[in-house]
């Protein structure tokens, strides 16, 4: 026996506009008056995990198995719960968005299987009257927000004002901070946003919201962490679900391997790919407590355009309309995946992807944006498959990016990894500089005056590097090692360094200083060396080696740099001459092509 309720609610907004709010099941459930709950993951023998939820509702301590959500982005989602106890044995909820007269007809269906016959009247009354009324009210709030009638799609929060005395101290500490013009916006966010939006504050998301420069907002967040307004955390992101399964308040707690309980997989911590720097308010400013009302709705995974469960020995066919892009078809239960490339000029509009554990076939499919894809499960077990956008970290302040910033090196100099624990940072641009004939300088003018000149040149270089969004990693004698995320910025800094040294020479007179510079881009790792975050690897050795080929007053770059399109644009803005030649790098076989860039007035 089952009870079925179907509600059809017209809303004056398109399905695309509604989707991000109606599919935010955590928020919808909260404002529909459903209780908060906790859940745990139970590993499954063939991979992945199942979720077991627990809550108190109508006097019951309920336990249930939560099946994975199924959805197609912009169209529908569905969830099934099977209860271990209580008056309901099984509850299935689906929400379908039908285009209707320029708006949307929201069709919500709830199918309930009671455990006991005598519980039917109570279940009927709860679902048919109270639950329907609460969901309808939540949908109307979304409608009003999308029409511009309200400032928020849900209940406005009571402002949690920061005590004025504490706020004045923080403002004074941040008065001269980079990005300081956005302090008021940051304070406004901390005082007004709900806890779930403050639990993992991503600086670039806030910058886009404020229409601000992303780097300036990241700089402000770093300064705000030192001022006691925010706390910084290192989030290790699962490559599957993209959730922050591990969060560390300090790099010393970082491990090379991380584990995702949801996906039941281990993965490597990578500063360029899987470690993100996020923030939340300091508990003394505002205590953030995230309450869960749903475990896995579509907005928990906005990169997933479709998630479907395919029964054993069966198939499902999806009619999709996807933007030209690259998508990945995968399951947490499989070690392999397939790629779906959407191209307007593709020859085929339909295709089949077959699951034969542990493989998916074929490896790639090229299809048109309006497509039909069949997912065939040739296995004797059910499997959940997802179709996901292949996306980069465009909204993530990656650890690799942050540790290469001057502000981080200055404000968080005590942040280091555990000894003997290298972590990849991906491709980085490294610069080495050295003063030409510095030994004779000490002999000619004496140690104290020479030391003063060396310190003076360090300050000139530090300013040029910081202006070009780089950071000094360390100084060795009169040499500098610096890191940049952008190779063009490193070349720009090199031109600025020579210009600063030349200007200082003219104003100061003899002895004249001459700077040797070498730059290279390549993969490297971060290490703890002498209690500083340092870099290690072949790329570091190459950058150091080519600097030794400098004559002074020039810039030596490897082939990887001078053929970079942005570097070419930078060079076009500066008068210079170029000379190509080859060098031998100690410890590496073969010759490396190098370009000597000679700035000219």
Protein backbone atom coordinates (compact mmCIF):
# COMPACT_ATOMS: atom_id res chain seq x y z
CA UNK A 1 0.00 0.00 0.00
CA UNK A 2 1.25 3.50 -0.82
CA UNK A 3 -0.03 7.06 -0.60
CA UNK A 4 0.73 9.42 -3.48
CA UNK A 5 0.47 13.20 -3.56
CA UNK A 6 0.99 15.31 -6.69
CA UNK A 7 1.23 19.10 -6.39
CA UNK A 8 1.33 21.32 -9.47
CA UNK A 9 2.46 24.84 -8.75
CA UNK A 10 2.75 27.51 -11.48
CA UNK A 11 5.66 29.91 -10.94
CA UNK A 12 6.40 33.03 -12.94
CA UNK A 13 10.03 32.21 -13.72
CA UNK A 14 11.78 30.02 -16.28
CA UNK A 15 13.09 26.54 -15.36
CA UNK A 16 16.68 27.73 -15.86
CA UNK A 17 16.16 30.62 -13.42
CA UNK A 18 14.40 28.40 -10.87
CA UNK A 19 16.78 25.46 -10.95
CA UNK A 20 19.59 26.75 -8.74
CA UNK A 21 17.11 27.62 -5.96
CA UNK A 22 14.64 24.73 -6.14
CA UNK A 23 17.48 22.21 -6.45
CA UNK A 24 19.11 23.65 -3.31
CA UNK A 25 17.36 20.95 -1.31
CA UNK A 26 19.22 21.75 1.90
CA UNK A 27 17.79 25.29 1.96
CA UNK A 28 14.36 24.26 0.63
CA UNK A 29 13.98 21.59 3.31
CA UNK A 30 15.03 24.06 6.00
CA UNK A 31 12.42 26.64 5.01
CA UNK A 32 9.79 23.95 4.46
CA UNK A 33 10.12 23.18 8.18
CA UNK A 34 11.77 19.78 7.92
CA UNK A 35 14.07 18.82 10.82
CA UNK A 36 17.84 18.95 10.72
CA UNK A 37 19.66 15.64 10.59
CA UNK A 38 23.05 13.95 10.74
CA UNK A 39 24.39 11.28 8.44
CA UNK A 40 27.27 8.88 8.21
CA UNK A 41 28.91 7.02 5.36
CA UNK A 42 29.06 3.24 5.27
CA UNK A 43 31.71 1.91 2.83
CA UNK A 44 30.41 -0.51 0.22
CA UNK A 45 32.51 -3.51 -0.88
CA UNK A 46 32.40 -2.63 -4.60
CA UNK A 47 33.38 1.02 -4.07
CA UNK A 48 31.73 4.18 -2.89
CA UNK A 49 29.60 4.52 0.22
CA UNK A 50 25.97 4.56 1.20
CA UNK A 51 24.52 7.22 3.47
CA UNK A 52 22.63 6.53 6.67
CA UNK A 53 20.65 9.49 8.02
CA UNK A 54 19.31 10.16 11.49
CA UNK A 55 16.87 12.73 12.81
CA UNK A 56 14.05 13.29 15.31
CA UNK A 57 10.64 13.96 13.79
CA UNK A 58 7.12 13.75 15.20
CA UNK A 59 8.45 12.11 18.35
CA UNK A 60 10.47 9.48 16.51
CA UNK A 61 14.23 8.96 16.33
CA UNK A 62 14.32 8.00 12.66
CA UNK A 63 17.07 6.13 10.82
CA UNK A 64 17.10 5.65 7.07
CA UNK A 65 19.18 4.72 4.05
CA UNK A 66 19.45 7.66 1.67
CA UNK A 67 19.67 6.57 -1.94
CA UNK A 68 21.72 8.79 -4.27
CA UNK A 69 19.80 11.66 -5.82
CA UNK A 70 18.94 11.34 -9.50
CA UNK A 71 18.64 14.44 -11.65
CA UNK A 72 19.06 16.15 -14.99
CA UNK A 73 20.13 19.75 -14.60
CA UNK A 74 17.33 22.23 -15.16
CA UNK A 75 14.64 19.55 -15.48
CA UNK A 76 14.07 17.34 -12.45
CA UNK A 77 15.47 15.61 -9.39
CA UNK A 78 14.33 12.61 -7.37
CA UNK A 79 15.31 11.07 -4.04
CA UNK A 80 14.33 7.83 -2.25
CA UNK A 81 14.62 7.17 1.49
CA UNK A 82 14.13 3.73 3.03
CA UNK A 83 13.49 4.01 6.75
CA UNK A 84 14.78 1.50 9.30
CA UNK A 85 12.02 2.39 11.75
CA UNK A 86 9.05 4.65 12.35
CA UNK A 87 5.67 4.97 10.62
CA UNK A 88 7.07 5.27 7.07
CA UNK A 89 8.82 2.40 5.30
CA UNK A 90 9.74 4.22 2.08
CA UNK A 91 9.44 7.81 0.86
CA UNK A 92 10.08 8.92 -2.71
CA UNK A 93 10.09 12.60 -3.69
CA UNK A 94 10.46 14.03 -7.19
CA UNK A 95 10.35 17.60 -8.49
CA UNK A 96 9.90 18.21 -12.23
CA UNK A 97 10.15 21.64 -13.88
CA UNK A 98 7.83 21.92 -16.90
CA UNK A 99 8.08 25.01 -19.15
CA UNK A 100 4.64 26.63 -19.03
CA UNK A 101 3.36 29.90 -20.57
CA UNK A 102 6.76 31.60 -20.31
CA UNK A 103 7.16 30.38 -16.75
CA UNK A 104 7.34 27.00 -15.02
CA UNK A 105 4.89 24.45 -13.74
CA UNK A 106 6.56 22.82 -10.74
CA UNK A 107 5.27 19.26 -10.37
CA UNK A 108 6.19 17.77 -7.00
CA UNK A 109 5.27 14.17 -6.29
CA UNK A 110 5.57 12.45 -2.93
CA UNK A 111 4.96 8.71 -2.75
CA UNK A 112 4.87 7.23 0.75
CA UNK A 113 4.72 3.59 1.80
CA UNK A 114 3.43 3.40 5.41
CA UNK A 115 4.85 0.76 7.73
CA UNK A 116 1.52 0.32 9.55
CA UNK A 117 -2.04 0.74 8.36
CA UNK A 118 -3.08 2.72 11.45
CA UNK A 119 -0.38 5.33 10.65
CA UNK A 120 -2.06 6.30 7.36
CA UNK A 121 -4.31 9.12 8.71
CA UNK A 122 -1.43 10.83 10.47
CA UNK A 123 0.87 10.54 7.43
CA UNK A 124 -1.88 11.78 5.12
CA UNK A 125 -2.58 14.79 7.31
CA UNK A 126 1.13 15.68 7.64
CA UNK A 127 1.96 15.40 3.92
CA UNK A 128 -1.30 16.61 2.34
CA UNK A 129 -1.66 19.70 4.48
CA UNK A 130 1.36 20.80 6.53
CA UNK A 131 4.16 19.67 4.19
CA UNK A 132 2.42 20.94 1.06
CA UNK A 133 1.78 24.33 2.65
CA UNK A 134 5.41 24.71 3.76
CA UNK A 135 6.86 23.77 0.36
CA UNK A 136 4.42 26.06 -1.43
CA UNK A 137 5.47 28.95 0.82
CA UNK A 138 9.16 28.26 0.05
CA UNK A 139 8.47 28.23 -3.71
CA UNK A 140 6.56 31.50 -3.53
CA UNK A 141 9.49 33.14 -1.76
CA UNK A 142 11.75 32.06 -4.62
CA UNK A 143 9.23 33.46 -7.12
CA UNK A 144 9.14 36.83 -5.34
CA UNK A 145 12.93 36.98 -5.25
CA UNK A 146 13.26 36.24 -8.97
CA UNK A 147 10.68 38.92 -9.77
CA UNK A 148 12.74 41.46 -7.81
CA UNK A 149 10.16 41.88 -5.06
CA UNK A 150 12.49 40.66 -2.28
CA UNK A 151 16.23 40.76 -1.63
CA UNK A 152 16.56 37.07 -0.72
CA UNK A 153 14.87 33.89 -1.98
CA UNK A 154 14.41 32.62 1.58
CA UNK A 155 13.97 34.01 5.05
CA UNK A 156 16.09 37.11 5.74
CA UNK A 157 18.52 36.59 8.59
CA UNK A 158 18.69 38.70 11.69
CA UNK A 159 21.84 40.77 11.38
CA UNK A 160 24.59 39.60 13.76
CA UNK A 161 26.47 42.84 14.30
CA UNK A 162 30.11 42.75 15.28
CA UNK A 163 30.66 44.69 18.55
CA UNK A 164 31.65 48.23 17.63
CA UNK A 165 34.79 48.35 19.77
CA UNK A 166 36.14 45.14 18.26
CA UNK A 167 35.20 46.33 14.79
CA UNK A 168 37.16 49.57 15.18
CA UNK A 169 40.28 47.63 16.20
CA UNK A 170 39.96 45.40 13.14
CA UNK A 171 39.36 48.34 10.80
CA UNK A 172 42.50 50.00 12.11
CA UNK A 173 44.55 46.84 11.57
CA UNK A 174 43.25 46.61 7.99
CA UNK A 175 43.49 50.32 7.22
CA UNK A 176 46.52 49.98 4.96
CA UNK A 177 45.85 46.41 3.77
CA UNK A 178 45.75 45.59 0.07
CA UNK A 179 42.12 45.41 -1.03
CA UNK A 180 41.15 47.59 1.91
CA UNK A 181 38.42 49.30 -0.11
CA UNK A 182 36.37 46.11 0.27
CA UNK A 183 36.49 45.95 4.08
CA UNK A 184 32.93 47.25 4.46
CA UNK A 185 31.63 44.66 1.99
CA UNK A 186 33.42 41.90 3.89
CA UNK A 187 32.02 43.03 7.23
CA UNK A 188 28.53 43.29 5.70
CA UNK A 189 28.84 39.69 4.47
CA UNK A 190 29.97 38.40 7.85
CA UNK A 191 27.10 40.14 9.63
CA UNK A 192 24.29 39.18 7.21
CA UNK A 193 25.00 35.95 5.32
CA UNK A 194 23.74 32.55 6.52
CA UNK A 195 26.16 30.14 8.16
CA UNK A 196 26.43 27.80 5.17
CA UNK A 197 27.73 30.67 2.99
CA UNK A 198 30.31 31.64 5.61
CA UNK A 199 31.59 28.15 6.37
CA UNK A 200 33.85 28.02 3.29
CA UNK A 201 34.33 31.58 2.09
CA UNK A 202 35.97 31.54 -1.34
CA UNK A 203 37.60 34.94 -2.01
CA UNK A 204 37.08 34.82 -5.79
CA UNK A 205 33.35 34.14 -5.39
CA UNK A 206 33.03 37.18 -3.13
CA UNK A 207 35.13 39.26 -5.53
CA UNK A 208 32.80 38.42 -8.42
CA UNK A 209 29.79 39.21 -6.25
CA UNK A 210 31.25 42.61 -5.37
CA UNK A 211 32.54 43.19 -8.93
CA UNK A 212 36.00 43.58 -7.43
CA UNK A 213 39.49 42.56 -8.50
CA UNK A 214 39.98 38.93 -7.48
CA UNK A 215 43.57 39.28 -6.34
CA UNK A 216 42.79 42.36 -4.24
CA UNK A 217 39.99 40.50 -2.42
CA UNK A 218 42.27 37.51 -1.81
CA UNK A 219 44.89 39.89 -0.40
CA UNK A 220 42.24 41.42 1.88
CA UNK A 221 41.17 37.97 3.13
CA UNK A 222 44.79 37.13 3.96
CA UNK A 223 45.22 40.39 5.89
CA UNK A 224 41.84 39.86 7.60
CA UNK A 225 43.09 36.48 8.85
CA UNK A 226 45.99 38.19 10.56
CA UNK A 227 43.71 40.92 11.94
CA UNK A 228 41.45 38.40 13.73
CA UNK A 229 38.43 38.85 11.46
CA UNK A 230 38.77 35.59 9.50
CA UNK A 231 40.37 32.18 9.95
CA UNK A 232 42.25 30.56 7.07
CA UNK A 233 41.95 26.86 6.29
CA UNK A 234 43.59 24.47 3.83
CA UNK A 235 40.83 22.36 2.27
CA UNK A 236 41.77 19.09 0.59
CA UNK A 237 39.22 18.65 -2.21
CA UNK A 238 38.09 15.22 -3.37
CA UNK A 239 38.56 14.92 -7.17
CA UNK A 240 35.30 12.95 -7.36
CA UNK A 241 32.59 14.73 -5.40
CA UNK A 242 34.69 17.94 -5.13
CA UNK A 243 33.82 18.24 -1.47
CA UNK A 244 36.23 19.52 1.17
CA UNK A 245 36.64 16.20 2.94
CA UNK A 246 39.64 17.36 4.98
CA UNK A 247 40.23 20.84 6.37
CA UNK A 248 43.39 21.92 8.13
CA UNK A 249 43.99 25.11 10.07
CA UNK A 250 47.75 24.83 9.42
CA UNK A 251 49.96 23.31 6.74
CA UNK A 252 51.76 21.27 9.38
CA UNK A 253 48.69 19.04 9.61
CA UNK A 254 48.66 18.32 5.88
CA UNK A 255 49.31 14.76 4.72
CA UNK A 256 50.34 13.53 1.29
CA UNK A 257 47.23 11.33 1.09
CA UNK A 258 43.62 12.23 1.90
CA UNK A 259 40.50 10.11 2.18
CA UNK A 260 36.95 10.95 1.06
CA UNK A 261 34.36 9.10 3.13
CA UNK A 262 31.59 9.91 0.65
CA UNK A 263 33.41 8.44 -2.37
CA UNK A 264 35.43 5.94 -0.30
CA UNK A 265 38.63 6.77 -2.18
CA UNK A 266 42.13 7.91 -1.27
CA UNK A 267 43.79 10.63 -3.30
CA UNK A 268 46.94 12.72 -3.31
CA UNK A 269 47.06 16.23 -1.90
CA UNK A 270 48.19 18.51 -4.75
CA UNK A 271 48.61 22.25 -4.13
CA UNK A 272 47.66 23.06 -7.73
CA UNK A 273 44.67 20.72 -8.08
CA UNK A 274 43.23 19.50 -4.81
CA UNK A 275 44.18 21.93 -2.02
CA UNK A 276 42.18 25.15 -1.79
CA UNK A 277 42.53 28.04 0.64
CA UNK A 278 39.20 29.10 2.14
CA UNK A 279 38.14 31.25 5.06
CA UNK A 280 35.46 31.56 7.71
CA UNK A 281 34.76 34.17 10.40
CA UNK A 282 36.89 33.94 13.51
CA UNK A 283 34.71 32.40 16.27
CA UNK A 284 35.26 35.51 18.39
CA UNK A 285 33.60 37.52 15.61
CA UNK A 286 30.82 35.12 14.64
CA UNK A 287 30.40 31.45 15.42
CA UNK A 288 29.43 29.50 12.29
CA UNK A 289 27.51 26.23 12.67
CA UNK A 290 26.34 24.51 9.49
CA UNK A 291 23.12 22.54 9.95
CA UNK A 292 22.18 19.88 7.39
CA UNK A 293 18.63 19.40 6.18
CA UNK A 294 19.58 17.35 3.12
CA UNK A 295 22.65 15.34 2.18
CA UNK A 296 23.13 15.30 -1.55
CA UNK A 297 20.90 17.55 -3.64
CA UNK A 298 21.94 18.81 -7.09
CA UNK A 299 23.32 22.11 -5.77
CA UNK A 300 25.78 20.13 -3.62
CA UNK A 301 27.39 19.17 -6.93
CA UNK A 302 26.71 21.99 -9.43
CA UNK A 303 29.35 20.56 -11.79
CA UNK A 304 27.16 17.46 -12.36
CA UNK A 305 24.66 17.91 -15.20
CA UNK A 306 23.09 14.48 -14.74
CA UNK A 307 23.19 11.71 -12.15
CA UNK A 308 21.33 8.46 -12.74
CA UNK A 309 21.07 5.02 -11.19
CA UNK A 310 21.13 2.26 -13.80
CA UNK A 311 19.70 -1.09 -12.71
CA UNK A 312 21.70 -4.26 -13.34
CA UNK A 313 21.54 -5.52 -16.94
CA UNK A 314 19.47 -2.53 -17.98
CA UNK A 315 19.99 0.81 -19.72
CA UNK A 316 18.63 4.32 -19.62
CA UNK A 317 18.51 6.83 -22.44
CA UNK A 318 18.93 10.54 -21.72
CA UNK A 319 17.89 13.32 -24.08
CA UNK A 320 20.13 16.24 -23.19
CA UNK A 321 20.98 19.70 -24.41
CA UNK A 322 24.53 20.52 -23.40
CA UNK A 323 26.76 23.50 -24.09
CA UNK A 324 29.82 22.84 -26.25
CA UNK A 325 32.38 21.63 -23.71
CA UNK A 326 34.10 18.52 -22.46
CA UNK A 327 32.25 16.27 -20.02
CA UNK A 328 33.29 13.22 -18.05
CA UNK A 329 31.08 10.15 -17.57
CA UNK A 330 32.06 8.23 -14.45
CA UNK A 331 31.08 6.37 -11.29
CA UNK A 332 32.76 6.19 -7.89
CA UNK A 333 32.57 2.41 -8.26
CA UNK A 334 34.74 2.35 -11.38
CA UNK A 335 38.46 3.12 -11.77
CA UNK A 336 38.02 4.34 -15.37
CA UNK A 337 35.84 6.94 -17.06
CA UNK A 338 34.71 8.13 -20.48
CA UNK A 339 34.83 11.57 -22.06
CA UNK A 340 31.89 13.19 -23.81
CA UNK A 341 32.98 16.02 -26.11
CA UNK A 342 30.18 18.31 -27.25
CA UNK A 343 30.87 20.12 -30.51
CA UNK A 344 28.51 22.02 -32.81
CA UNK A 345 30.22 20.44 -35.82
CA UNK A 346 30.13 16.88 -34.49
CA UNK A 347 28.77 14.29 -36.92
CA UNK A 348 26.71 12.25 -34.44
CA UNK A 349 23.83 13.27 -32.17
CA UNK A 350 23.49 9.96 -30.35
CA UNK A 351 25.74 7.35 -28.81
CA UNK A 352 25.97 4.56 -26.26
CA UNK A 353 28.29 4.24 -23.28
CA UNK A 354 28.60 0.71 -21.93
CA UNK A 355 29.60 -0.20 -18.39
CA UNK A 356 31.54 -3.47 -18.16
CA UNK A 357 33.17 -3.44 -14.76
CA UNK A 358 35.81 -2.24 -14.27
CA UNK A 359 35.77 -0.49 -17.67
CA UNK A 360 33.61 2.04 -19.52
CA UNK A 361 33.47 1.88 -23.31
CA UNK A 362 34.16 3.74 -25.49
CA UNK A 363 36.75 6.06 -23.98
CA UNK A 364 35.44 9.07 -25.93
CA UNK A 365 32.29 10.17 -27.73
CA UNK A 366 31.90 13.27 -29.90
CA UNK A 367 28.29 14.46 -30.05
CA UNK A 368 26.24 17.53 -30.99
CA UNK A 369 24.76 19.80 -28.28
CA UNK A 370 21.27 18.32 -28.79
CA UNK A 371 22.06 14.71 -28.06
CA UNK A 372 20.79 11.35 -26.99
CA UNK A 373 23.10 9.20 -24.90
CA UNK A 374 22.32 5.68 -23.72
CA UNK A 375 24.00 4.34 -20.58
CA UNK A 376 24.06 0.53 -20.72
CA UNK A 377 24.88 -1.41 -17.55
CA UNK A 378 26.25 -4.83 -18.56
CA UNK A 379 26.81 -5.83 -14.94
CA UNK A 380 24.80 -7.78 -12.39
CA UNK A 381 24.84 -4.86 -9.92
CA UNK A 382 23.11 -1.48 -9.97
CA UNK A 383 25.41 1.48 -10.54
CA UNK A 384 25.12 5.27 -10.20
CA UNK A 385 26.64 7.20 -13.11
CA UNK A 386 27.29 10.93 -13.42
CA UNK A 387 27.88 13.25 -16.35
CA UNK A 388 30.05 16.14 -15.16
CA UNK A 389 31.55 19.23 -16.67
CA UNK A 390 35.31 19.01 -16.95
CA UNK A 391 36.15 22.23 -15.15
CA UNK A 392 39.24 23.83 -13.77
CA UNK A 393 39.64 25.68 -10.47
CA UNK A 394 38.47 29.03 -11.77
CA UNK A 395 36.78 29.95 -8.46
CA UNK A 396 39.43 28.37 -6.25
CA UNK A 397 42.30 30.17 -4.55
CA UNK A 398 44.59 27.16 -4.85
CA UNK A 399 47.32 26.54 -2.33
CA UNK A 400 49.88 26.77 -5.14
CA UNK A 401 48.63 30.26 -5.97
CA UNK A 402 48.48 31.49 -2.38
CA UNK A 403 51.94 30.32 -1.26
CA UNK A 404 53.41 32.13 -4.28
CA UNK A 405 51.97 35.46 -3.08
CA UNK A 406 54.06 38.08 -1.37
CA UNK A 407 51.29 38.77 1.18
CA UNK A 408 51.22 35.13 2.25
CA UNK A 409 55.00 34.92 2.56
CA UNK A 410 54.98 38.07 4.68
CA UNK A 411 51.93 37.43 6.85
CA UNK A 412 52.22 33.66 7.26
CA UNK A 413 55.96 33.08 7.36
CA UNK A 414 55.49 30.44 10.07
CA UNK A 415 53.29 28.28 7.81
CA UNK A 416 55.35 25.29 6.65
CA UNK A 417 54.78 21.65 5.82
CA UNK A 418 55.95 18.79 7.94
CA UNK A 419 59.63 17.95 7.34
CA UNK A 420 60.26 15.41 4.57
CA UNK A 421 56.76 15.77 3.10
CA UNK A 422 56.88 17.14 -0.46
CA UNK A 423 53.61 18.17 -2.16
CA UNK A 424 53.20 18.96 -5.84
CA UNK A 425 52.40 22.56 -6.75
CA UNK A 426 52.01 21.99 -10.48
CA UNK A 427 53.66 24.35 -12.95
CA UNK A 428 55.30 27.41 -11.41
CA UNK A 429 57.52 30.15 -12.80
CA UNK A 430 60.78 30.48 -10.90
CA UNK A 431 63.25 33.35 -11.03
CA UNK A 432 66.80 33.49 -9.75
CA UNK A 433 68.79 36.73 -9.56
CA UNK A 434 72.36 37.50 -8.60
CA UNK A 435 74.51 40.60 -8.39
CA UNK A 436 77.33 40.55 -10.92
CA UNK A 437 80.83 40.76 -9.41
CA UNK A 438 79.52 41.19 -5.88
CA UNK A 439 82.69 39.71 -4.36
CA UNK A 440 84.85 42.47 -5.83
CA UNK A 441 82.28 45.00 -4.60
CA UNK A 442 82.99 44.00 -0.98
CA UNK A 443 86.72 44.27 -1.62
CA UNK A 444 86.47 47.66 -3.36
CA UNK A 445 84.25 49.67 -1.02
CA UNK A 446 84.37 47.61 2.18
CA UNK A 447 82.01 45.19 3.80
CA UNK A 448 79.66 47.64 5.54
CA UNK A 449 78.96 49.90 2.50
CA UNK A 450 78.69 46.83 0.23
CA UNK A 451 76.24 45.18 2.60
CA UNK A 452 74.16 48.38 2.58
CA UNK A 453 74.04 48.33 -1.23
CA UNK A 454 73.02 44.68 -1.24
CA UNK A 455 70.20 45.39 1.21
CA UNK A 456 69.14 48.36 -0.89
CA UNK A 457 68.98 46.20 -4.03
CA UNK A 458 66.93 43.58 -2.14
CA UNK A 459 64.28 46.20 -1.37
CA UNK A 460 64.18 47.34 -5.00
CA UNK A 461 63.73 43.75 -6.17
CA UNK A 462 61.15 42.97 -3.50
CA UNK A 463 58.99 45.88 -4.65
CA UNK A 464 59.25 44.87 -8.34
CA UNK A 465 58.39 41.25 -7.54
CA UNK A 466 55.39 42.16 -5.35
CA UNK A 467 54.08 44.62 -7.95
CA UNK A 468 54.15 41.81 -10.53
CA UNK A 469 52.23 39.44 -8.22
CA UNK A 470 55.22 37.32 -7.26
CA UNK A 471 56.87 36.46 -3.97
CA UNK A 472 60.43 36.16 -2.73
CA UNK A 473 60.95 32.59 -1.57
CA UNK A 474 64.38 33.19 -0.06
CA UNK A 475 67.60 35.16 -0.34
CA UNK A 476 70.97 33.43 -0.54
CA UNK A 477 73.89 35.81 -0.05
CA UNK A 478 73.14 38.52 -2.59
CA UNK A 479 70.90 36.25 -4.69
CA UNK A 480 67.11 36.05 -4.75
CA UNK A 481 64.77 33.17 -5.52
CA UNK A 482 61.25 34.28 -6.43
CA UNK A 483 58.07 32.49 -7.54
CA UNK A 484 55.28 33.58 -9.88
CA UNK A 485 52.09 31.88 -11.05
CA UNK A 486 52.14 33.80 -14.35
CA UNK A 487 55.29 33.62 -16.52
CA UNK A 488 54.44 36.94 -18.19
CA UNK A 489 54.38 38.61 -14.77
CA UNK A 490 57.84 37.21 -14.05
CA UNK A 491 59.22 38.69 -17.28
CA UNK A 492 57.51 42.00 -16.49
CA UNK A 493 59.16 41.96 -13.06
CA UNK A 494 62.57 41.31 -14.66
CA UNK A 495 62.29 44.38 -16.88
CA UNK A 496 61.17 46.42 -13.84
CA UNK A 497 64.17 45.17 -11.83
CA UNK A 498 66.69 46.26 -14.44
CA UNK A 499 64.95 49.62 -14.74
CA UNK A 500 64.98 50.09 -10.94
CA UNK A 501 68.65 49.14 -10.67
CA UNK A 502 69.60 51.49 -13.55
CA UNK A 503 67.65 54.35 -12.00
CA UNK A 504 69.28 53.74 -8.63
CA UNK A 505 72.74 53.65 -10.27
CA UNK A 506 72.16 57.02 -11.94
CA UNK A 507 70.93 58.68 -8.76
CA UNK A 508 73.60 57.15 -6.53
CA UNK A 509 76.67 57.02 -8.75
CA UNK A 510 79.47 54.48 -8.56
CA UNK A 511 79.82 51.66 -7.78
CA UNK A 512 77.22 50.61 -10.35
CA UNK A 513 75.27 47.41 -9.74
CA UNK A 514 74.44 44.92 -12.49
CA UNK A 515 71.78 42.23 -12.10
CA UNK A 516 71.81 38.71 -13.52
CA UNK A 517 68.36 37.11 -14.02
CA UNK A 518 67.26 33.63 -15.06
CA UNK A 519 63.61 32.50 -15.41
CA UNK A 520 62.07 29.10 -16.08
CA UNK A 521 58.58 27.56 -15.85
CA UNK A 522 57.90 23.97 -14.99
CA UNK A 523 56.46 21.52 -12.46
CA UNK A 524 57.93 21.45 -8.98
CA UNK A 525 57.12 20.48 -5.41
CA UNK A 526 56.77 22.42 -2.18
CA UNK A 527 58.95 21.36 0.74
CA UNK A 528 59.84 22.50 4.24
CA UNK A 529 63.46 23.62 4.07
CA UNK A 530 65.01 25.39 7.05
CA UNK A 531 61.50 26.19 8.31
CA UNK A 532 60.38 28.05 5.20
CA UNK A 533 58.13 26.95 2.36
CA UNK A 534 60.61 26.26 -0.41
CA UNK A 535 60.47 24.66 -3.85
CA UNK A 536 62.38 21.69 -5.12
CA UNK A 537 62.79 19.80 -8.39
CA UNK A 538 64.30 19.92 -11.84
CA UNK A 539 62.55 23.19 -12.69
CA UNK A 540 64.27 24.89 -9.75
CA UNK A 541 67.64 23.59 -10.90
CA UNK A 542 67.05 24.78 -14.48
CA UNK A 543 66.11 28.30 -13.36
CA UNK A 544 69.18 28.53 -11.12
CA UNK A 545 71.48 27.13 -13.81
CA UNK A 546 70.46 29.47 -16.63
CA UNK A 547 70.87 32.50 -14.34
CA UNK A 548 74.57 31.64 -14.23
CA UNK A 549 74.72 32.14 -18.02
CA UNK A 550 73.70 35.77 -17.62
CA UNK A 551 76.22 38.51 -18.47
CA UNK A 552 74.47 41.05 -16.22
CA UNK A 553 71.84 43.55 -17.31
CA UNK A 554 70.05 40.88 -19.34
CA UNK A 555 67.22 38.37 -18.79
CA UNK A 556 67.67 34.70 -19.60
CA UNK A 557 64.52 32.66 -20.18
CA UNK A 558 64.02 29.07 -21.28
CA UNK A 559 62.19 28.03 -24.43
CA UNK A 560 59.08 27.27 -22.38
CA UNK A 561 58.77 30.95 -21.53
CA UNK A 562 59.75 32.88 -24.58
CA UNK A 563 57.25 30.93 -26.73
CA UNK A 564 54.39 31.59 -24.28
CA UNK A 565 51.78 33.86 -25.90
CA UNK A 566 51.45 36.18 -22.89
CA UNK A 567 55.24 36.47 -22.59
CA UNK A 568 55.39 37.42 -26.27
CA UNK A 569 52.83 40.18 -25.59
CA UNK A 570 54.91 41.41 -22.64
CA UNK A 571 58.10 41.47 -24.67
CA UNK A 572 56.35 43.46 -27.40
CA UNK A 573 55.83 46.30 -24.89
CA UNK A 574 59.53 46.59 -24.02
CA UNK A 575 62.36 47.58 -26.40
CA UNK A 576 64.89 44.72 -26.40
CA UNK A 577 67.03 42.43 -28.49
CA UNK A 578 66.98 38.63 -28.42
CA UNK A 579 69.68 35.99 -28.80
CA UNK A 580 68.96 32.27 -28.85
CA UNK A 581 71.54 29.69 -27.78
CA UNK A 582 71.85 26.33 -26.03
CA UNK A 583 73.21 25.44 -22.62
CA UNK A 584 73.95 22.26 -20.72
CA UNK A 585 72.14 21.92 -17.40
CA UNK A 586 74.07 19.98 -14.80
CA UNK A 587 72.27 16.76 -13.89
CA UNK A 588 70.19 16.74 -17.07
CA UNK A 589 70.99 15.06 -20.37
CA UNK A 590 71.04 17.00 -23.63
CA UNK A 591 71.02 20.73 -24.31
CA UNK A 592 68.38 23.30 -23.43
CA UNK A 593 67.39 26.23 -25.64
CA UNK A 594 67.68 29.59 -23.92
CA UNK A 595 66.89 33.12 -25.04
CA UNK A 596 68.96 36.09 -23.85
CA UNK A 597 66.73 39.17 -23.67
CA UNK A 598 68.71 42.40 -23.61
CA UNK A 599 66.59 45.43 -22.56
CA UNK A 600 67.35 48.54 -24.59
CA UNK A 601 66.49 52.15 -23.95
